[in-house]
Amino acid sequence: ESNLGGWLSRLNNADLVSVATYSDLVPAFLALLERSAGDLPAFYAE
C-alpha cells in the first residue's frame, strides 16, 4: 500500500507521463541487456 492509494486518488495525465519518462523503455533495455548476453560493458557501449 505505502502511499500509492493516495497517489492514485490524485492521479492525472501528467503523473502518468512522469512515471513513463523513467519506465517506458525498461522492457527495451532489458531486451538489449539480454542481447548483450549480460555483459554490462558491452551493454553500456551499445
All heavy atoms as atom14 arrays in JSON, in Angstrom:
{
  "sequence": "ESNLGGWLSRLNNADLVSVATYSDLVPAFLALLERSAGDLPAFYAE",
  "atom14_mask": [
    [1, 1, 1, 1, 1, 1, 1, 1, 1, 0, 0, 0, 0, 0],
    [1, 1, 1, 1, 1, 1, 0, 0, 0, 0, 0, 0, 0, 0],
    [1, 1, 1, 1, 1, 1, 1, 1, 0, 0, 0, 0, 0, 0],
    [1, 1, 1, 1, 1, 1, 1, 1, 0, 0, 0, 0, 0, 0],
    [1, 1, 1, 1, 0, 0, 0, 0, 0, 0, 0, 0, 0, 0],
    [1, 1, 1, 1, 0, 0, 0, 0, 0, 0, 0, 0, 0, 0],
    [1, 1, 1, 1, 1, 1, 1, 1, 1, 1, 1, 1, 1, 1],
    [1, 1, 1, 1, 1, 1, 1, 1, 0, 0, 0, 0, 0, 0],
    [1, 1, 1, 1, 1, 1, 0, 0, 0, 0, 0, 0, 0, 0],
    [1, 1, 1, 1, 1, 1, 1, 1, 1, 1, 1, 0, 0, 0],
    [1, 1, 1, 1, 1, 1, 1, 1, 0, 0, 0, 0, 0, 0],
    [1, 1, 1, 1, 1, 1, 1, 1, 0, 0, 0, 0, 0, 0],
    [1, 1, 1, 1, 1, 1, 1, 1, 0, 0, 0, 0, 0, 0],
    [1, 1, 1, 1, 1, 0, 0, 0, 0, 0, 0, 0, 0, 0],
    [1, 1, 1, 1, 1, 1, 1, 1, 0, 0, 0, 0, 0, 0],
    [1, 1, 1, 1, 1, 1, 1, 1, 0, 0, 0, 0, 0, 0],
    [1, 1, 1, 1, 1, 1, 1, 0, 0, 0, 0, 0, 0, 0],
    [1, 1, 1, 1, 1, 1, 0, 0, 0, 0, 0, 0, 0, 0],
    [1, 1, 1, 1, 1, 1, 1, 0, 0, 0, 0, 0, 0, 0],
    [1, 1, 1, 1, 1, 0, 0, 0, 0, 0, 0, 0, 0, 0],
    [1, 1, 1, 1, 1, 1, 1, 0, 0, 0, 0, 0, 0, 0],
    [1, 1, 1, 1, 1, 1, 1, 1, 1, 1, 1, 1, 0, 0],
    [1, 1, 1, 1, 1, 1, 0, 0, 0, 0, 0, 0, 0, 0],
    [1, 1, 1, 1, 1, 1, 1, 1, 0, 0, 0, 0, 0, 0],
    [1, 1, 1, 1, 1, 1, 1, 1, 0, 0, 0, 0, 0, 0],
    [1, 1, 1, 1, 1, 1, 1, 0, 0, 0, 0, 0, 0, 0],
    [1, 1, 1, 1, 1, 1, 1, 0, 0, 0, 0, 0, 0, 0],
    [1, 1, 1, 1, 1, 0, 0, 0, 0, 0, 0, 0, 0, 0],
    [1, 1, 1, 1, 1, 1, 1, 1, 1, 1, 1, 0, 0, 0],
    [1, 1, 1, 1, 1, 1, 1, 1, 0, 0, 0, 0, 0, 0],
    [1, 1, 1, 1, 1, 0, 0, 0, 0, 0, 0, 0, 0, 0],
    [1, 1, 1, 1, 1, 1, 1, 1, 0, 0, 0, 0, 0, 0],
    [1, 1, 1, 1, 1, 1, 1, 1, 0, 0, 0, 0, 0, 0],
    [1, 1, 1, 1, 1, 1, 1, 1, 1, 0, 0, 0, 0, 0],
    [1, 1, 1, 1, 1, 1, 1, 1, 1, 1, 1, 0, 0, 0],
    [1, 1, 1, 1, 1, 1, 0, 0, 0, 0, 0, 0, 0, 0],
    [1, 1, 1, 1, 1, 0, 0, 0, 0, 0, 0, 0, 0, 0],
    [1, 1, 1, 1, 0, 0, 0, 0, 0, 0, 0, 0, 0, 0],
    [1, 1, 1, 1, 1, 1, 1, 1, 0, 0, 0, 0, 0, 0],
    [1, 1, 1, 1, 1, 1, 1, 1, 0, 0, 0, 0, 0, 0],
    [1, 1, 1, 1, 1, 1, 1, 0, 0, 0, 0, 0, 0, 0],
    [1, 1, 1, 1, 1, 0, 0, 0, 0, 0, 0, 0, 0, 0],
    [1, 1, 1, 1, 1, 1, 1, 1, 1, 1, 1, 0, 0, 0],
    [1, 1, 1, 1, 1, 1, 1, 1, 1, 1, 1, 1, 0, 0],
    [1, 1, 1, 1, 1, 0, 0, 0, 0, 0, 0, 0, 0, 0],
    [1, 1, 1, 1, 1, 1, 1, 1, 1, 0, 0, 0, 0, 0]
  ],
  "atom14_positions": [
    [[0.81, -1.22, 0.0], [0.0, 0.0, 0.0], [0.84, 1.25, 0.0], [0.74, 2.07, -0.89], [-0.96, -0.02, 1.2], [-2.04, -1.07, 1.05], [-3.14, -0.92, 2.07], [-3.81, 0.13, 2.06], [-3.34, -1.84, 2.88], [0.0, 0.0, 0.0], [0.0, 0.0, 0.0], [0.0, 0.0, 0.0], [0.0, 0.0, 0.0], [0.0, 0.0, 0.0]],
    [[1.71, 1.45, 0.98], [2.51, 2.66, 1.13], [1.64, 3.88, 0.86], [0.57, 4.02, 1.43], [3.74, 2.61, 0.22], [3.35, 2.57, -1.13], [0.0, 0.0, 0.0], [0.0, 0.0, 0.0], [0.0, 0.0, 0.0], [0.0, 0.0, 0.0], [0.0, 0.0, 0.0], [0.0, 0.0, 0.0], [0.0, 0.0, 0.0], [0.0, 0.0, 0.0]],
    [[2.08, 4.75, -0.04], [1.29, 5.94, -0.36], [0.62, 5.84, -1.73], [0.13, 6.84, -2.25], [2.19, 7.19, -0.34], [2.72, 7.47, 1.06], [2.0, 7.32, 2.03], [3.98, 7.84, 1.14], [0.0, 0.0, 0.0], [0.0, 0.0, 0.0], [0.0, 0.0, 0.0], [0.0, 0.0, 0.0], [0.0, 0.0, 0.0], [0.0, 0.0, 0.0]],
    [[0.66, 4.64, -2.32], [0.16, 4.5, -3.69], [-1.32, 4.79, -3.8], [-1.78, 5.41, -4.76], [0.46, 3.09, -4.21], [0.14, 2.82, -5.67], [0.84, 3.81, -6.59], [0.52, 1.4, -6.05], [0.0, 0.0, 0.0], [0.0, 0.0, 0.0], [0.0, 0.0, 0.0], [0.0, 0.0, 0.0], [0.0, 0.0, 0.0], [0.0, 0.0, 0.0]],
    [[-2.11, 4.36, -2.79], [-3.54, 4.61, -2.84], [-3.86, 6.08, -2.88], [-4.72, 6.53, -3.65], [0.0, 0.0, 0.0], [0.0, 0.0, 0.0], [0.0, 0.0, 0.0], [0.0, 0.0, 0.0], [0.0, 0.0, 0.0], [0.0, 0.0, 0.0], [0.0, 0.0, 0.0], [0.0, 0.0, 0.0], [0.0, 0.0, 0.0], [0.0, 0.0, 0.0]],
    [[-3.18, 6.88, -2.05], [-3.39, 8.32, -2.06], [-2.97, 8.95, -3.36], [-3.64, 9.86, -3.88], [0.0, 0.0, 0.0], [0.0, 0.0, 0.0], [0.0, 0.0, 0.0], [0.0, 0.0, 0.0], [0.0, 0.0, 0.0], [0.0, 0.0, 0.0], [0.0, 0.0, 0.0], [0.0, 0.0, 0.0], [0.0, 0.0, 0.0], [0.0, 0.0, 0.0]],
    [[-1.86, 8.45, -3.92], [-1.38, 8.98, -5.21], [-2.4, 8.7, -6.31], [-2.69, 9.57, -7.14], [-0.03, 8.36, -5.54], [0.56, 8.82, -6.84], [1.08, 10.05, -7.12], [0.68, 8.07, -8.05], [1.52, 10.11, -8.42], [1.28, 8.9, -9.03], [0.33, 6.77, -8.41], [1.56, 8.48, -10.31], [0.61, 6.33, -9.7], [1.21, 7.19, -10.64]],
    [[-2.96, 7.5, -6.3], [-3.95, 7.15, -7.32], [-5.19, 8.03, -7.24], [-5.81, 8.34, -8.26], [-4.35, 5.68, -7.19], [-3.32, 4.65, -7.64], [-3.77, 3.26, -7.28], [-3.04, 4.77, -9.14], [0.0, 0.0, 0.0], [0.0, 0.0, 0.0], [0.0, 0.0, 0.0], [0.0, 0.0, 0.0], [0.0, 0.0, 0.0], [0.0, 0.0, 0.0]],
    [[-5.55, 8.45, -6.04], [-6.74, 9.29, -5.89], [-6.52, 10.7, -6.45], [-7.49, 11.41, -6.71], [-7.14, 9.38, -4.41], [-6.18, 10.09, -3.67], [0.0, 0.0, 0.0], [0.0, 0.0, 0.0], [0.0, 0.0, 0.0], [0.0, 0.0, 0.0], [0.0, 0.0, 0.0], [0.0, 0.0, 0.0], [0.0, 0.0, 0.0], [0.0, 0.0, 0.0]],
    [[-5.26, 11.09, -6.64], [-4.95, 12.42, -7.19], [-4.41, 12.33, -8.61], [-3.91, 13.32, -9.15], [-3.92, 13.13, -6.31], [-4.34, 13.29, -4.86], [-3.31, 14.1, -4.08], [-2.0, 13.48, -4.07], [-1.6, 12.6, -3.15], [-2.43, 12.23, -2.19], [-0.39, 12.07, -3.18], [0.0, 0.0, 0.0], [0.0, 0.0, 0.0], [0.0, 0.0, 0.0]],
    [[-4.47, 11.18, -9.21], [-3.8, 10.91, -10.47], [-4.32, 11.78, -11.61], [-5.52, 12.07, -11.71], [-4.01, 9.43, -10.84], [-3.14, 8.87, -11.95], [-1.69, 8.83, -11.54], [-3.62, 7.45, -12.3], [0.0, 0.0, 0.0], [0.0, 0.0, 0.0], [0.0, 0.0, 0.0], [0.0, 0.0, 0.0], [0.0, 0.0, 0.0], [0.0, 0.0, 0.0]],
    [[-3.4, 12.21, -12.5], [-3.78, 12.86, -13.75], [-2.8, 12.44, -14.84], [-1.86, 11.66, -14.59], [-3.83, 14.39, -13.6], [-2.5, 14.97, -13.15], [-1.44, 14.49, -13.53], [-2.55, 16.01, -12.34], [0.0, 0.0, 0.0], [0.0, 0.0, 0.0], [0.0, 0.0, 0.0], [0.0, 0.0, 0.0], [0.0, 0.0, 0.0], [0.0, 0.0, 0.0]],
    [[-2.99, 12.93, -16.06], [-2.14, 12.52, -17.17], [-0.68, 12.85, -16.94], [0.22, 12.1, -17.34], [-2.63, 13.18, -18.46], [-3.9, 12.56, -18.99], [-4.52, 11.75, -18.31], [-4.31, 12.93, -20.19], [0.0, 0.0, 0.0], [0.0, 0.0, 0.0], [0.0, 0.0, 0.0], [0.0, 0.0, 0.0], [0.0, 0.0, 0.0], [0.0, 0.0, 0.0]],
    [[-0.42, 14.01, -16.34], [0.96, 14.41, -16.1], [1.67, 13.43, -15.17], [2.86, 13.14, -15.33], [1.01, 15.82, -15.53], [0.0, 0.0, 0.0], [0.0, 0.0, 0.0], [0.0, 0.0, 0.0], [0.0, 0.0, 0.0], [0.0, 0.0, 0.0], [0.0, 0.0, 0.0], [0.0, 0.0, 0.0], [0.0, 0.0, 0.0], [0.0, 0.0, 0.0]],
    [[0.93, 12.88, -14.17], [1.52, 11.88, -13.28], [1.92, 10.63, -14.08], [2.99, 10.06, -13.87], [0.51, 11.47, -12.2], [0.26, 12.59, -11.2], [1.23, 13.18, -10.72], [-0.92, 12.86, -10.92], [0.0, 0.0, 0.0], [0.0, 0.0, 0.0], [0.0, 0.0, 0.0], [0.0, 0.0, 0.0], [0.0, 0.0, 0.0], [0.0, 0.0, 0.0]],
    [[1.05, 10.21, -14.98], [1.35, 9.04, -15.8], [2.58, 9.26, -16.65], [3.43, 8.38, -16.8], [0.15, 8.69, -16.68], [-1.13, 8.28, -15.94], [-2.26, 8.03, -16.94], [-0.9, 7.04, -15.08], [0.0, 0.0, 0.0], [0.0, 0.0, 0.0], [0.0, 0.0, 0.0], [0.0, 0.0, 0.0], [0.0, 0.0, 0.0], [0.0, 0.0, 0.0]],
    [[2.69, 10.47, -17.22], [3.85, 10.79, -18.05], [5.13, 10.8, -17.22], [6.19, 10.33, -17.66], [3.66, 12.14, -18.76], [4.96, 12.65, -19.36], [2.61, 11.99, -19.86], [0.0, 0.0, 0.0], [0.0, 0.0, 0.0], [0.0, 0.0, 0.0], [0.0, 0.0, 0.0], [0.0, 0.0, 0.0], [0.0, 0.0, 0.0], [0.0, 0.0, 0.0]],
    [[5.05, 11.34, -15.99], [6.25, 11.39, -15.15], [6.75, 9.99, -14.83], [7.96, 9.76, -14.71], [5.96, 12.17, -13.86], [5.04, 11.49, -13.04], [0.0, 0.0, 0.0], [0.0, 0.0, 0.0], [0.0, 0.0, 0.0], [0.0, 0.0, 0.0], [0.0, 0.0, 0.0], [0.0, 0.0, 0.0], [0.0, 0.0, 0.0], [0.0, 0.0, 0.0]],
    [[5.83, 9.03, -14.69], [6.23, 7.64, -14.48], [6.78, 7.04, -15.77], [7.83, 6.37, -15.78], [5.04, 6.8, -13.97], [5.41, 5.32, -13.92], [4.6, 7.28, -12.59], [0.0, 0.0, 0.0], [0.0, 0.0, 0.0], [0.0, 0.0, 0.0], [0.0, 0.0, 0.0], [0.0, 0.0, 0.0], [0.0, 0.0, 0.0], [0.0, 0.0, 0.0]],
    [[6.09, 7.3, -16.88], [6.51, 6.74, -18.16], [7.89, 7.23, -18.58], [8.65, 6.51, -19.23], [5.49, 7.1, -19.25], [0.0, 0.0, 0.0], [0.0, 0.0, 0.0], [0.0, 0.0, 0.0], [0.0, 0.0, 0.0], [0.0, 0.0, 0.0], [0.0, 0.0, 0.0], [0.0, 0.0, 0.0], [0.0, 0.0, 0.0], [0.0, 0.0, 0.0]],
    [[8.25, 8.47, -18.19], [9.56, 9.01, -18.55], [10.68, 8.08, -18.09], [11.69, 7.92, -18.78], [9.74, 10.41, -17.92], [8.77, 11.29, -18.46], [11.13, 10.96, -18.19], [0.0, 0.0, 0.0], [0.0, 0.0, 0.0], [0.0, 0.0, 0.0], [0.0, 0.0, 0.0], [0.0, 0.0, 0.0], [0.0, 0.0, 0.0], [0.0, 0.0, 0.0]],
    [[10.5, 7.45, -16.93], [11.55, 6.61, -16.38], [11.3, 5.11, -16.55], [12.2, 4.31, -16.31], [11.73, 6.93, -14.89], [12.25, 8.32, -14.67], [11.38, 9.37, -14.37], [13.61, 8.62, -14.81], [11.86, 10.66, -14.2], [14.08, 9.9, -14.64], [13.2, 10.93, -14.33], [13.66, 12.21, -14.18], [0.0, 0.0, 0.0], [0.0, 0.0, 0.0]],
    [[10.1, 4.73, -16.95], [9.8, 3.29, -17.04], [9.42, 2.82, -18.43], [9.41, 1.62, -18.69], [8.67, 2.95, -16.06], [7.48, 3.64, -16.4], [0.0, 0.0, 0.0], [0.0, 0.0, 0.0], [0.0, 0.0, 0.0], [0.0, 0.0, 0.0], [0.0, 0.0, 0.0], [0.0, 0.0, 0.0], [0.0, 0.0, 0.0], [0.0, 0.0, 0.0]],
    [[9.11, 3.74, -19.34], [8.6, 3.37, -20.66], [9.55, 2.45, -21.41], [9.12, 1.53, -22.11], [8.35, 4.65, -21.46], [7.15, 4.51, -22.39], [6.31, 3.65, -22.12], [7.09, 5.25, -23.37], [0.0, 0.0, 0.0], [0.0, 0.0, 0.0], [0.0, 0.0, 0.0], [0.0, 0.0, 0.0], [0.0, 0.0, 0.0], [0.0, 0.0, 0.0]],
    [[10.85, 2.71, -21.31], [11.82, 1.97, -22.11], [12.48, 0.82, -21.35], [13.39, 0.19, -21.88], [12.9, 2.93, -22.62], [12.42, 3.97, -23.65], [13.55, 4.91, -24.0], [11.88, 3.3, -24.9], [0.0, 0.0, 0.0], [0.0, 0.0, 0.0], [0.0, 0.0, 0.0], [0.0, 0.0, 0.0], [0.0, 0.0, 0.0], [0.0, 0.0, 0.0]],
    [[12.02, 0.54, -20.13], [12.63, -0.54, -19.36], [12.59, -1.87, -20.1], [13.61, -2.57, -20.19], [11.98, -0.65, -17.97], [12.4, -1.95, -17.27], [12.37, 0.55, -17.11], [0.0, 0.0, 0.0], [0.0, 0.0, 0.0], [0.0, 0.0, 0.0], [0.0, 0.0, 0.0], [0.0, 0.0, 0.0], [0.0, 0.0, 0.0], [0.0, 0.0, 0.0]],
    [[11.44, -2.29, -20.69], [11.44, -3.56, -21.43], [12.43, -3.57, -22.58], [13.09, -4.59, -22.84], [9.99, -3.67, -21.94], [9.19, -2.85, -20.99], [10.08, -1.7, -20.63], [0.0, 0.0, 0.0], [0.0, 0.0, 0.0], [0.0, 0.0, 0.0], [0.0, 0.0, 0.0], [0.0, 0.0, 0.0], [0.0, 0.0, 0.0], [0.0, 0.0, 0.0]],
    [[12.56, -2.44, -23.27], [13.5, -2.38, -24.39], [14.94, -2.54, -23.91], [15.75, -3.23, -24.55], [13.33, -1.06, -25.14], [0.0, 0.0, 0.0], [0.0, 0.0, 0.0], [0.0, 0.0, 0.0], [0.0, 0.0, 0.0], [0.0, 0.0, 0.0], [0.0, 0.0, 0.0], [0.0, 0.0, 0.0], [0.0, 0.0, 0.0], [0.0, 0.0, 0.0]],
    [[15.28, -1.91, -22.81], [16.65, -2.01, -22.31], [16.93, -3.38, -21.7], [18.07, -3.87, -21.77], [16.92, -0.89, -21.3], [17.17, 0.43, -21.95], [16.26, 1.47, -21.81], [18.29, 0.64, -22.74], [16.48, 2.69, -22.42], [18.52, 1.86, -23.35], [17.62, 2.89, -23.2], [0.0, 0.0, 0.0], [0.0, 0.0, 0.0], [0.0, 0.0, 0.0]],
    [[15.91, -4.01, -21.12], [16.09, -5.38, -20.65], [16.38, -6.31, -21.83], [17.23, -7.21, -21.74], [14.85, -5.86, -19.89], [14.64, -5.24, -18.5], [13.31, -5.7, -17.92], [15.79, -5.62, -17.57], [0.0, 0.0, 0.0], [0.0, 0.0, 0.0], [0.0, 0.0, 0.0], [0.0, 0.0, 0.0], [0.0, 0.0, 0.0], [0.0, 0.0, 0.0]],
    [[15.66, -6.11, -22.92], [15.91, -6.91, -24.13], [17.31, -6.64, -24.67], [18.01, -7.56, -25.13], [14.85, -6.59, -25.18], [0.0, 0.0, 0.0], [0.0, 0.0, 0.0], [0.0, 0.0, 0.0], [0.0, 0.0, 0.0], [0.0, 0.0, 0.0], [0.0, 0.0, 0.0], [0.0, 0.0, 0.0], [0.0, 0.0, 0.0], [0.0, 0.0, 0.0]],
    [[17.74, -5.38, -24.62], [19.08, -5.02, -25.08], [20.15, -5.68, -24.21], [21.17, -6.17, -24.72], [19.24, -3.5, -25.07], [20.58, -2.94, -25.56], [20.83, -3.35, -27.01], [20.59, -1.42, -25.42], [0.0, 0.0, 0.0], [0.0, 0.0, 0.0], [0.0, 0.0, 0.0], [0.0, 0.0, 0.0], [0.0, 0.0, 0.0], [0.0, 0.0, 0.0]],
    [[19.92, -5.72, -22.89], [20.86, -6.38, -21.99], [20.93, -7.87, -22.3], [22.01, -8.47, -22.27], [20.42, -6.15, -20.54], [21.29, -6.79, -19.46], [22.71, -6.27, -19.51], [20.68, -6.54, -18.07], [0.0, 0.0, 0.0], [0.0, 0.0, 0.0], [0.0, 0.0, 0.0], [0.0, 0.0, 0.0], [0.0, 0.0, 0.0], [0.0, 0.0, 0.0]],
    [[19.78, -8.47, -22.61], [19.77, -9.89, -22.96], [20.54, -10.13, -24.25], [21.29, -11.12, -24.36], [18.32, -10.37, -23.09], [18.2, -11.87, -23.32], [16.76, -12.34, -23.34], [15.88, -11.55, -22.97], [16.52, -13.49, -23.75], [0.0, 0.0, 0.0], [0.0, 0.0, 0.0], [0.0, 0.0, 0.0], [0.0, 0.0, 0.0], [0.0, 0.0, 0.0]],
    [[20.37, -9.23, -25.22], [21.13, -9.38, -26.48], [22.62, -9.2, -26.26], [23.43, -9.71, -27.03], [20.63, -8.37, -27.52], [19.22, -8.62, -28.02], [18.95, -7.93, -29.35], [19.08, -6.48, -29.26], [18.09, -5.66, -28.89], [16.9, -6.17, -28.56], [18.26, -4.35, -28.85], [0.0, 0.0, 0.0], [0.0, 0.0, 0.0], [0.0, 0.0, 0.0]],
    [[22.99, -8.49, -25.19], [24.4, -8.31, -24.86], [24.92, -9.44, -23.99], [26.05, -9.36, -23.48], [24.6, -6.97, -24.12], [24.14, -5.88, -24.9], [0.0, 0.0, 0.0], [0.0, 0.0, 0.0], [0.0, 0.0, 0.0], [0.0, 0.0, 0.0], [0.0, 0.0, 0.0], [0.0, 0.0, 0.0], [0.0, 0.0, 0.0], [0.0, 0.0, 0.0]],
    [[24.1, -10.47, -23.8], [24.46, -11.66, -23.02], [24.84, -11.31, -21.59], [25.7, -11.95, -20.98], [25.6, -12.43, -23.72], [0.0, 0.0, 0.0], [0.0, 0.0, 0.0], [0.0, 0.0, 0.0], [0.0, 0.0, 0.0], [0.0, 0.0, 0.0], [0.0, 0.0, 0.0], [0.0, 0.0, 0.0], [0.0, 0.0, 0.0], [0.0, 0.0, 0.0]],
    [[24.22, -10.25, -21.06], [24.51, -9.87, -19.68], [25.84, -9.2, -19.48], [26.24, -8.92, -18.34], [0.0, 0.0, 0.0], [0.0, 0.0, 0.0], [0.0, 0.0, 0.0], [0.0, 0.0, 0.0], [0.0, 0.0, 0.0], [0.0, 0.0, 0.0], [0.0, 0.0, 0.0], [0.0, 0.0, 0.0], [0.0, 0.0, 0.0], [0.0, 0.0, 0.0]],
    [[26.56, -8.92, -20.55], [27.86, -8.25, -20.47], [27.62, -6.74, -20.3], [27.28, -6.05, -21.26], [28.66, -8.52, -21.75], [30.07, -7.95, -21.7], [30.27, -6.92, -21.02], [30.95, -8.53, -22.33], [0.0, 0.0, 0.0], [0.0, 0.0, 0.0], [0.0, 0.0, 0.0], [0.0, 0.0, 0.0], [0.0, 0.0, 0.0], [0.0, 0.0, 0.0]],
    [[27.8, -6.24, -19.08], [27.45, -4.84, -18.79], [28.29, -3.83, -19.59], [27.73, -2.88, -20.13], [27.55, -4.57, -17.3], [26.44, -5.21, -16.46], [26.71, -5.02, -14.98], [25.08, -4.62, -16.83], [0.0, 0.0, 0.0], [0.0, 0.0, 0.0], [0.0, 0.0, 0.0], [0.0, 0.0, 0.0], [0.0, 0.0, 0.0], [0.0, 0.0, 0.0]],
    [[29.61, -3.98, -19.7], [30.36, -3.02, -20.53], [29.87, -2.99, -21.98], [29.78, -1.92, -22.59], [31.81, -3.52, -20.43], [31.86, -4.19, -19.09], [30.52, -4.86, -18.95], [0.0, 0.0, 0.0], [0.0, 0.0, 0.0], [0.0, 0.0, 0.0], [0.0, 0.0, 0.0], [0.0, 0.0, 0.0], [0.0, 0.0, 0.0], [0.0, 0.0, 0.0]],
    [[29.54, -4.16, -22.53], [29.02, -4.2, -23.9], [27.65, -3.52, -23.97], [27.34, -2.81, -24.94], [28.92, -5.65, -24.38], [0.0, 0.0, 0.0], [0.0, 0.0, 0.0], [0.0, 0.0, 0.0], [0.0, 0.0, 0.0], [0.0, 0.0, 0.0], [0.0, 0.0, 0.0], [0.0, 0.0, 0.0], [0.0, 0.0, 0.0], [0.0, 0.0, 0.0]],
    [[26.83, -3.73, -22.94], [25.52, -3.09, -22.87], [25.66, -1.58, -22.81], [24.99, -0.84, -23.53], [24.78, -3.62, -21.64], [23.51, -2.89, -21.31], [22.36, -3.06, -22.07], [23.47, -2.02, -20.21], [21.18, -2.38, -21.75], [22.3, -1.35, -19.89], [21.16, -1.52, -20.66], [0.0, 0.0, 0.0], [0.0, 0.0, 0.0], [0.0, 0.0, 0.0]],
    [[26.57, -1.07, -21.96], [26.76, 0.37, -21.85], [27.25, 0.96, -23.17], [26.84, 2.06, -23.57], [27.78, 0.69, -20.74], [27.38, 0.23, -19.37], [28.35, -0.19, -18.45], [26.04, 0.21, -18.97], [27.98, -0.61, -17.18], [25.68, -0.22, -17.7], [26.66, -0.64, -16.81], [26.31, -1.06, -15.56], [0.0, 0.0, 0.0], [0.0, 0.0, 0.0]],
    [[28.13, 0.23, -23.85], [28.65, 0.73, -25.12], [27.54, 0.84, -26.16], [27.48, 1.8, -26.94], [29.76, -0.19, -25.63], [0.0, 0.0, 0.0], [0.0, 0.0, 0.0], [0.0, 0.0, 0.0], [0.0, 0.0, 0.0], [0.0, 0.0, 0.0], [0.0, 0.0, 0.0], [0.0, 0.0, 0.0], [0.0, 0.0, 0.0], [0.0, 0.0, 0.0]],
    [[26.63, -0.14, -26.16], [25.51, -0.1, -27.1], [24.54, 1.03, -26.76], [24.03, 1.71, -27.65], [24.78, -1.45, -27.09], [23.61, -1.55, -28.06], [24.01, -1.41, -29.52], [25.21, -1.36, -29.83], [23.08, -1.35, -30.37], [0.0, 0.0, 0.0], [0.0, 0.0, 0.0], [0.0, 0.0, 0.0], [0.0, 0.0, 0.0], [0.0, 0.0, 0.0]]
  ]
}
